[in-house]
C-alpha atoms as a PDB file:
ATOM      1  CA  MET A   1      33.412  73.809 167.871  1.00  0.00           C
ATOM      2  CA  PHE A   2      36.496  71.707 168.517  1.00  0.00           C
ATOM      3  CA  GLY A   3      39.117  72.348 171.099  1.00  0.00           C
ATOM      4  CA  PHE A   4      42.953  71.874 170.078  1.00  0.00           C
ATOM      5  CA  THR A   5      45.568  71.431 172.367  1.00  0.00           C
ATOM      6  CA  LYS A   6      48.915  72.880 171.203  1.00  0.00           C
ATOM      7  CA  ARG A   7      52.139  70.753 171.215  1.00  0.00           C
ATOM      8  CA  PRO A   8      54.573  72.075 173.999  1.00  0.00           C
ATOM      9  CA  ARG A   9      57.183  74.494 172.260  1.00  0.00           C
ATOM     10  CA  GLU A  10      60.591  72.731 172.034  1.00  0.00           C
ATOM     11  CA  GLN A  11      63.226  74.267 174.614  1.00  0.00           C
ATOM     12  CA  ALA A  12      65.893  76.210 172.469  1.00  0.00           C
ATOM     13  CA  PRO A  13      69.494  74.990 173.383  1.00  0.00           C
ATOM     14  CA  ALA A  14      71.604  77.716 174.540  1.00  0.00           C
ATOM     15  CA  VAL A  15      73.341  79.765 172.022  1.00  0.00           C
ATOM     16  CA  GLY A  16      76.851  79.737 173.807  1.00  0.00           C
ATOM     17  CA  PRO A  17      77.688  75.948 173.285  1.00  0.00           C
ATOM     18  CA  VAL A  18      76.430  75.972 169.724  1.00  0.00           C
ATOM     19  CA  LEU A  19      78.518  78.524 168.560  1.00  0.00           C
ATOM     20  CA  MET A  20      81.321  77.018 170.297  1.00  0.00           C
ATOM     21  CA  ARG A  21      80.573  73.543 168.935  1.00  0.00           C
ATOM     22  CA  LEU A  22      80.437  75.272 165.372  1.00  0.00           C
ATOM     23  CA  SER A  23      83.639  77.092 165.879  1.00  0.00           C
ATOM     24  CA  ASP A  24      85.708  74.215 167.639  1.00  0.00           C
ATOM     25  CA  GLY A  25      84.708  71.654 165.138  1.00  0.00           C
ATOM     26  CA  ARG A  26      85.234  74.044 162.304  1.00  0.00           C
ATOM     27  CA  GLN A  27      81.851  72.860 160.806  1.00  0.00           C
ATOM     28  CA  ALA A  28      80.372  74.748 157.894  1.00  0.00           C
ATOM     29  CA  VAL A  29      77.116  76.437 158.184  1.00  0.00           C
ATOM     30  CA  ARG A  30      75.020  77.942 155.359  1.00  0.00           C
ATOM     31  CA  MET A  31      74.894  81.747 155.972  1.00  0.00           C
ATOM     32  CA  GLU A  32      72.104  84.044 154.758  1.00  0.00           C
ATOM     33  CA  ILE A  33      72.182  87.670 154.407  1.00  0.00           C
ATOM     34  CA  ASP A  34      68.691  88.897 153.557  1.00  0.00           C
ATOM     35  CA  SER A  35      69.498  92.388 152.078  1.00  0.00           C
ATOM     36  CA  ALA A  36      72.147  91.129 149.883  1.00  0.00           C
ATOM     37  CA  MET A  37      70.015  88.037 148.667  1.00  0.00           C
ATOM     38  CA  VAL A  38      72.857  85.620 149.000  1.00  0.00           C
ATOM     39  CA  ARG A  39      73.602  82.236 150.752  1.00  0.00           C
ATOM     40  CA  PHE A  40      76.946  80.831 151.092  1.00  0.00           C
ATOM     41  CA  ASN A  41      78.808  78.086 153.142  1.00  0.00           C
ATOM     42  CA  THR A  42      81.241  79.292 155.516  1.00  0.00           C
ATOM     43  CA  GLY A  43      82.911  78.665 158.989  1.00  0.00           C
ATOM     44  CA  LEU A  44      82.542  80.824 162.247  1.00  0.00           C
ATOM     45  CA  LEU A  45      85.006  81.644 164.775  1.00  0.00           C
ATOM     46  CA  VAL A  46      83.899  82.611 168.086  1.00  0.00           C
ATOM     47  CA  LYS A  47      86.175  85.279 169.839  1.00  0.00           C
ATOM     48  CA  ASP A  48      84.934  86.638 173.224  1.00  0.00           C
ATOM     49  CA  ALA A  49      81.535  88.632 172.489  1.00  0.00           C
ATOM     50  CA  VAL A  50      81.733  88.438 168.711  1.00  0.00           C
ATOM     51  CA  VAL A  51      81.572  86.057 166.110  1.00  0.00           C
ATOM     52  CA  LEU A  52      83.895  86.065 162.924  1.00  0.00           C
ATOM     53  CA  VAL A  53      82.387  84.786 159.788  1.00  0.00           C
ATOM     54  CA  GLY A  54      84.630  83.429 156.951  1.00  0.00           C
ATOM     55  CA  LYS A  55      83.978  85.363 153.636  1.00  0.00           C
ATOM     56  CA  PRO A  56      84.698  82.770 150.946  1.00  0.00           C
ATOM     57  CA  GLU A  57      86.997  83.579 148.162  1.00  0.00           C
ATOM     58  CA  GLY A  58      85.532  85.450 145.230  1.00  0.00           C
ATOM     59  CA  LEU A  59      82.350  86.174 146.824  1.00  0.00           C
ATOM     60  CA  GLU A  60      80.942  89.702 146.364  1.00  0.00           C
ATOM     61  CA  VAL A  61      78.320  90.723 149.193  1.00  0.00           C
ATOM     62  CA  SER A  62      76.868  94.273 149.239  1.00  0.00           C
ATOM     63  CA  MET A  63      75.864  94.579 153.038  1.00  0.00           C
ATOM     64  CA  SER A  64      75.668  97.119 155.904  1.00  0.00           C
ATOM     65  CA  THR A  65      76.487  97.331 159.469  1.00  0.00           C
ATOM     66  CA  GLY A  66      73.152  96.972 161.631  1.00  0.00           C
ATOM     67  CA  GLU A  67      71.828  94.052 159.037  1.00  0.00           C
ATOM     68  CA  ILE A  68      71.217  90.385 160.160  1.00  0.00           C
ATOM     69  CA  ALA A  69      73.193  87.530 159.072  1.00  0.00           C
ATOM     70  CA  ARG A  70      71.512  84.165 159.882  1.00  0.00           C
ATOM     71  CA  PHE A  71      71.874  80.367 159.629  1.00  0.00           C
ATOM     72  CA  ARG A  72      70.257  77.245 160.914  1.00  0.00           C
ATOM     73  CA  ILE A  73      71.995  74.963 163.278  1.00  0.00           C
ATOM     74  CA  PRO A  74      72.984  72.046 161.248  1.00  0.00           C
ATOM     75  CA  TRP A  75      71.676  69.402 163.975  1.00  0.00           C
ATOM     76  CA  GLU A  76      68.877  71.265 165.114  1.00  0.00           C
ATOM     77  CA  LYS A  77      67.283  72.657 161.994  1.00  0.00           C
ATOM     78  CA  GLN A  78      64.169  73.997 163.684  1.00  0.00           C
ATOM     79  CA  PHE A  79      66.297  76.822 165.390  1.00  0.00           C
ATOM     80  CA  GLU A  80      68.119  79.582 163.791  1.00  0.00           C
ATOM     81  CA  VAL A  81      71.027  81.943 164.800  1.00  0.00           C
ATOM     82  CA  ARG A  82      70.600  85.573 163.854  1.00  0.00           C
ATOM     83  CA  MET A  83      73.693  87.883 164.462  1.00  0.00           C
ATOM     84  CA  GLU A  84      73.825  91.427 163.955  1.00  0.00           C
ATOM     85  CA  ILE A  85      76.899  92.527 161.687  1.00  0.00           C
ATOM     86  CA  THR A  86      79.205  95.055 163.105  1.00  0.00           C
ATOM     87  CA  VAL A  87      82.332  95.020 161.025  1.00  0.00           C
ATOM     88  CA  LEU A  88      82.172  94.584 157.416  1.00  0.00           C
ATOM     89  CA  GLN A  89      85.767  93.870 156.697  1.00  0.00           C
ATOM     90  CA  LEU A  90      88.375  91.941 158.671  1.00  0.00           C
ATOM     91  CA  ASN A  91      91.673  90.688 157.143  1.00  0.00           C
ATOM     92  CA  LEU A  92      92.955  87.989 159.270  1.00  0.00           C
ATOM     93  CA  ARG A  93      96.731  87.058 159.754  1.00  0.00           C
ATOM     94  CA  ASN A  94      96.435  83.973 158.056  1.00  0.00           C
ATOM     95  CA  GLY A  95      95.360  85.461 154.782  1.00  0.00           C
ATOM     96  CA  THR A  96      91.434  84.969 154.875  1.00  0.00           C
ATOM     97  CA  GLU A  97      88.931  87.520 155.099  1.00  0.00           C
ATOM     98  CA  ALA A  98      85.671  87.622 157.514  1.00  0.00           C
ATOM     99  CA  PHE A  99      83.246  90.186 158.634  1.00  0.00           C
ATOM    100  CA  VAL A 100      82.237  90.464 162.345  1.00  0.00           C
ATOM    101  CA  CYS A 101      79.022  89.769 164.011  1.00  0.00           C
ATOM    102  CA  LYS A 102      77.830  90.553 167.618  1.00  0.00           C
ATOM    103  CA  LYS A 103      77.171  87.474 169.550  1.00  0.00           C
ATOM    104  CA  PRO A 104      73.702  86.763 169.918  1.00  0.00           C
ATOM    105  CA  SER A 105      72.026  86.293 173.447  1.00  0.00           C
ATOM    106  CA  GLY A 106      69.924  83.328 172.097  1.00  0.00           C
ATOM    107  CA  LEU A 107      68.342  81.221 169.416  1.00  0.00           C
ATOM    108  CA  ALA A 108      65.423  82.072 167.330  1.00  0.00           C
ATOM    109  CA  TYR A 109      62.491  79.536 167.093  1.00  0.00           C
ATOM    110  CA  PRO A 110      61.252  78.673 164.521  1.00  0.00           C
ATOM    111  CA  ALA A 111      63.733  78.926 161.561  1.00  0.00           C
ATOM    112  CA  ARG A 112      61.757  80.696 158.666  1.00  0.00           C
ATOM    113  CA  ARG A 113      62.646  78.200 156.082  1.00  0.00           C
ATOM    114  CA  THR A 114      62.871  74.347 155.838  1.00  0.00           C
ATOM    115  CA  SER A 115      64.326  74.308 152.485  1.00  0.00           C
ATOM    116  CA  ASP A 116      67.935  75.921 151.245  1.00  0.00           C
ATOM    117  CA  ARG A 117      67.608  78.682 148.742  1.00  0.00           C
ATOM    118  CA  PHE A 118      70.492  78.909 146.030  1.00  0.00           C
ATOM    119  CA  ASN A 119      71.348  82.317 144.789  1.00  0.00           C
ATOM    120  CA  THR A 120      71.279  82.355 140.787  1.00  0.00           C
ATOM    121  CA  ARG A 121      71.929  85.992 140.215  1.00  0.00           C
ATOM    122  CA  ARG A 122      75.320  84.894 138.409  1.00  0.00           C
ATOM    123  CA  PHE A 123      73.420  82.857 136.051  1.00  0.00           C
ATOM    124  CA  THR A 124      71.905  84.492 132.715  1.00  0.00           C
ATOM    125  CA  ASN A 125      69.849  81.708 131.453  1.00  0.00           C
ATOM    126  CA  ILE A 126      67.744  80.647 134.510  1.00  0.00           C
ATOM    127  CA  HIS A 127      64.213  81.954 133.937  1.00  0.00           C
ATOM    128  CA  LEU A 128      60.539  81.816 134.851  1.00  0.00           C
ATOM    129  CA  ASP A 129      58.154  81.695 132.141  1.00  0.00           C
ATOM    130  CA  LEU A 130      54.578  82.886 133.292  1.00  0.00           C
ATOM    131  CA  PRO A 131      52.055  82.117 130.470  1.00  0.00           C
ATOM    132  CA  ALA A 132      49.159  84.146 132.464  1.00  0.00           C
ATOM    133  CA  LEU A 133      51.347  87.189 132.187  1.00  0.00           C
ATOM    134  CA  LYS A 134      52.903  86.388 128.596  1.00  0.00           C
ATOM    135  CA  ASP A 135      56.285  87.358 130.095  1.00  0.00           C
ATOM    136  CA  SER A 136      59.541  85.470 131.174  1.00  0.00           C
ATOM    137  CA  PHE A 137      61.616  86.691 134.461  1.00  0.00           C
ATOM    138  CA  SER A 138      65.245  85.899 135.535  1.00  0.00           C
ATOM    139  CA  ILE A 139      65.195  84.127 138.608  1.00  0.00           C
ATOM    140  CA  LEU A 140      67.381  85.459 141.255  1.00  0.00           C
ATOM    141  CA  ASP A 141      67.370  82.657 143.820  1.00  0.00           C
ATOM    142  CA  LEU A 142      65.578  79.150 143.781  1.00  0.00           C
ATOM    143  CA  SER A 143      64.470  76.518 146.328  1.00  0.00           C
ATOM    144  CA  ALA A 144      62.613  73.358 146.242  1.00  0.00           C
ATOM    145  CA  ALA A 145      59.215  75.411 146.859  1.00  0.00           C
ATOM    146  CA  GLY A 146      59.611  78.920 145.615  1.00  0.00           C
ATOM    147  CA  CYS A 147      61.911  81.432 143.838  1.00  0.00           C
ATOM    148  CA  ARG A 148      62.652  85.095 143.529  1.00  0.00           C
ATOM    149  CA  VAL A 149      62.388  86.978 140.209  1.00  0.00           C
ATOM    150  CA  ASP A 150      63.358  90.363 138.818  1.00  0.00           C
ATOM    151  CA  ALA A 151      60.612  92.246 137.806  1.00  0.00           C
ATOM    152  CA  GLU A 152      59.976  95.973 136.272  1.00  0.00           C
ATOM    153  CA  PRO A 153      58.243  98.213 139.061  1.00  0.00           C
ATOM    154  CA  ARG A 154      55.259  98.590 136.945  1.00  0.00           C
ATOM    155  CA  LEU A 155      54.536  94.857 136.857  1.00  0.00           C
ATOM    156  CA  VAL A 156      55.196  94.296 140.648  1.00  0.00           C
ATOM    157  CA  MET A 157      51.899  96.169 141.864  1.00  0.00           C
ATOM    158  CA  ASN A 158      49.682  95.707 138.983  1.00  0.00           C
ATOM    159  CA  ALA A 159      50.436  91.926 137.528  1.00  0.00           C
ATOM    160  CA  PHE A 160      51.751  90.073 140.722  1.00  0.00           C
ATOM    161  CA  ARG A 161      48.811  90.147 143.181  1.00  0.00           C
ATOM    162  CA  LEU A 162      49.805  88.710 146.537  1.00  0.00           C
ATOM    163  CA  ASN A 163      48.412  85.359 147.340  1.00  0.00           C
ATOM    164  CA  ARG A 164      46.369  85.228 143.883  1.00  0.00           C
ATOM    165  CA  ARG A 165      47.033  82.181 141.696  1.00  0.00           C
ATOM    166  CA  LEU A 166      48.784  82.405 138.610  1.00  0.00           C
ATOM    167  CA  TRP A 167      48.414  78.686 137.937  1.00  0.00           C
ATOM    168  CA  GLU A 168      50.910  77.188 135.632  1.00  0.00           C
ATOM    169  CA  GLY A 169      54.810  78.454 134.937  1.00  0.00           C
ATOM    170  CA  MET A 170      57.850  76.912 133.527  1.00  0.00           C
ATOM    171  CA  ILE A 171      61.473  77.185 134.946  1.00  0.00           C
ATOM    172  CA  THR A 172      63.961  76.976 131.752  1.00  0.00           C
ATOM    173  CA  VAL A 173      67.639  76.771 131.998  1.00  0.00           C
ATOM    174  CA  GLY A 174      68.299  77.806 128.457  1.00  0.00           C
ATOM    175  CA  GLU A 175      67.362  74.797 126.056  1.00  0.00           C
ATOM    176  CA  GLN A 176      68.764  72.323 128.218  1.00  0.00           C
ATOM    177  CA  LEU A 177      66.378  71.977 131.092  1.00  0.00           C
ATOM    178  CA  ARG A 178      62.340  72.581 131.710  1.00  0.00           C
ATOM    179  CA  VAL A 179      60.595  72.262 134.981  1.00  0.00           C
ATOM    180  CA  ARG A 180      56.763  72.635 134.692  1.00  0.00           C
ATOM    181  CA  LEU A 181      54.932  74.306 137.586  1.00  0.00           C
ATOM    182  CA  ASP A 182      51.510  73.413 138.265  1.00  0.00           C
ATOM    183  CA  LEU A 183      50.814  76.110 140.503  1.00  0.00           C
ATOM    184  CA  VAL A 184      52.671  79.641 141.177  1.00  0.00           C
ATOM    185  CA  ILE A 185      51.453  82.202 143.892  1.00  0.00           C
ATOM    186  CA  PRO A 186      53.115  85.457 144.606  1.00  0.00           C
ATOM    187  CA  ARG A 187      53.872  85.762 148.216  1.00  0.00           C
ATOM    188  CA  ALA A 188      55.852  88.747 148.840  1.00  0.00           C
ATOM    189  CA  TYR A 189      57.381  91.657 146.791  1.00  0.00           C
ATOM    190  CA  ASP A 190      59.263  94.923 146.780  1.00  0.00           C
ATOM    191  CA  ASN A 191      59.609  97.514 143.994  1.00  0.00           C
ATOM    192  CA  LYS A 192      61.690  95.252 141.939  1.00  0.00           C
ATOM    193  CA  THR A 193      61.577  91.608 142.869  1.00  0.00           C
ATOM    194  CA  VAL A 194      58.758  89.167 143.527  1.00  0.00           C
ATOM    195  CA  GLY A 195      58.844  86.266 145.869  1.00  0.00           C
ATOM    196  CA  LEU A 196      56.669  83.190 144.564  1.00  0.00           C
ATOM    197  CA  GLU A 197      55.807  79.992 146.010  1.00  0.00           C
ATOM    198  CA  PHE A 198      55.255  77.084 143.510  1.00  0.00           C
ATOM    199  CA  LYS A 199      54.084  73.540 143.290  1.00  0.00           C
ATOM    200  CA  VAL A 200      55.572  70.640 141.212  1.00  0.00           C
ATOM    201  CA  ASN A 201      53.971  67.289 140.839  1.00  0.00           C
ATOM    202  CA  ARG A 202      55.827  65.169 142.770  1.00  0.00           C
ATOM    203  CA  GLY A 203      57.281  61.798 141.606  1.00  0.00           C
ATOM    204  CA  GLY A 204      57.179  63.208 137.834  1.00  0.00           C
ATOM    205  CA  ARG A 205      59.977  63.953 135.528  1.00  0.00           C
ATOM    206  CA  HIS A 206      59.538  67.737 136.183  1.00  0.00           C
ATOM    207  CA  SER A 207      60.157  67.020 139.822  1.00  0.00           C
ATOM    208  CA  GLN A 208      63.262  64.906 139.103  1.00  0.00           C
ATOM    209  CA  HIS A 209      64.380  67.807 136.759  1.00  0.00           C
ATOM    210  CA  LEU A 210      63.860  70.388 139.624  1.00  0.00           C
ATOM    211  CA  THR A 211      65.938  68.079 141.932  1.00  0.00           C
ATOM    212  CA  THR A 212      68.551  67.893 139.244  1.00  0.00           C
ATOM    213  CA  LEU A 213      69.054  71.578 138.979  1.00  0.00           C
ATOM    214  CA  LEU A 214      68.994  72.212 142.691  1.00  0.00           C
ATOM    215  CA  GLY A 215      71.762  69.645 142.978  1.00  0.00           C
ATOM    216  CA  THR A 216      73.668  71.316 140.377  1.00  0.00           C
ATOM    217  CA  LEU A 217      73.408  74.730 141.856  1.00  0.00           C
ATOM    218  CA  ALA A 218      74.430  73.203 145.336  1.00  0.00           C
ATOM    219  CA  ILE A 219      77.530  71.727 143.547  1.00  0.00           C
ATOM    220  CA  ARG A 220      78.535  75.280 142.279  1.00  0.00           C
ATOM    221  CA  GLU A 221      77.925  76.996 145.514  1.00  0.00           C
ATOM    222  CA  VAL A 222      80.922  78.965 146.816  1.00  0.00           C
ATOM    223  CA  ARG A 223      83.225  76.422 148.801  1.00  0.00           C
ATOM    224  CA  PRO A 224      83.184  77.050 152.602  1.00  0.00           C
ATOM    225  CA  GLN A 225      85.783  79.320 154.151  1.00  0.00           C
ATOM    226  CA  SER A 226      87.407  77.663 157.056  1.00  0.00           C
ATOM    227  CA  LEU A 227      88.718  80.349 159.710  1.00  0.00           C
ATOM    228  CA  GLN A 228      91.563  79.355 161.739  1.00  0.00           C
ATOM    229  CA  PRO A 229      92.212  80.877 165.277  1.00  0.00           C
ATOM    230  CA  VAL A 230      94.195  83.912 165.418  1.00  0.00           C
END
């Protein structure tokens, strides 16, 4: 039997200076709210023991106090900031809107994800076709390594067996774009949605098509909301 030596865990930086650097430098971060299944670019403003998070114009987010808003540090992406939401709506004197989070005591390590996920709920023509299930599903969010789809409750428990390979699949954007998936594996589900991991043949045209699709989604992301001191 082999004995393995673990690599020492990297020391997490203090959360205070990280938040102040983001606030003073007005640097945008990619915020994620799990319950709302939404990600958006925004700015932060640190005020004493709280953090104000800008709401981009036109963004509709359903969330509740006590939930967690999270983002990865732009220059230290192995660490993640997780903040408890305390106030859902705050109208600032400069006309911008924000929600308020409790200032965290430290950083989380490691960050849960290494690739960005894009909210695709507002698009009606992005689907995942699964021949093994003889069905097509609306994609709710998409990344370079996986997606979350909308599914009827009867299918979630019966058709999507966790960690069981569904083999092939196809991401379609109407008739404009097709991305062939060589492997699809259900990894998580609730009563209405399923999280799937997939693999695309690297270097092939379908990998290029996926990169093009993700690039287009990134361009269409809600623009960052910059918060000014009040």
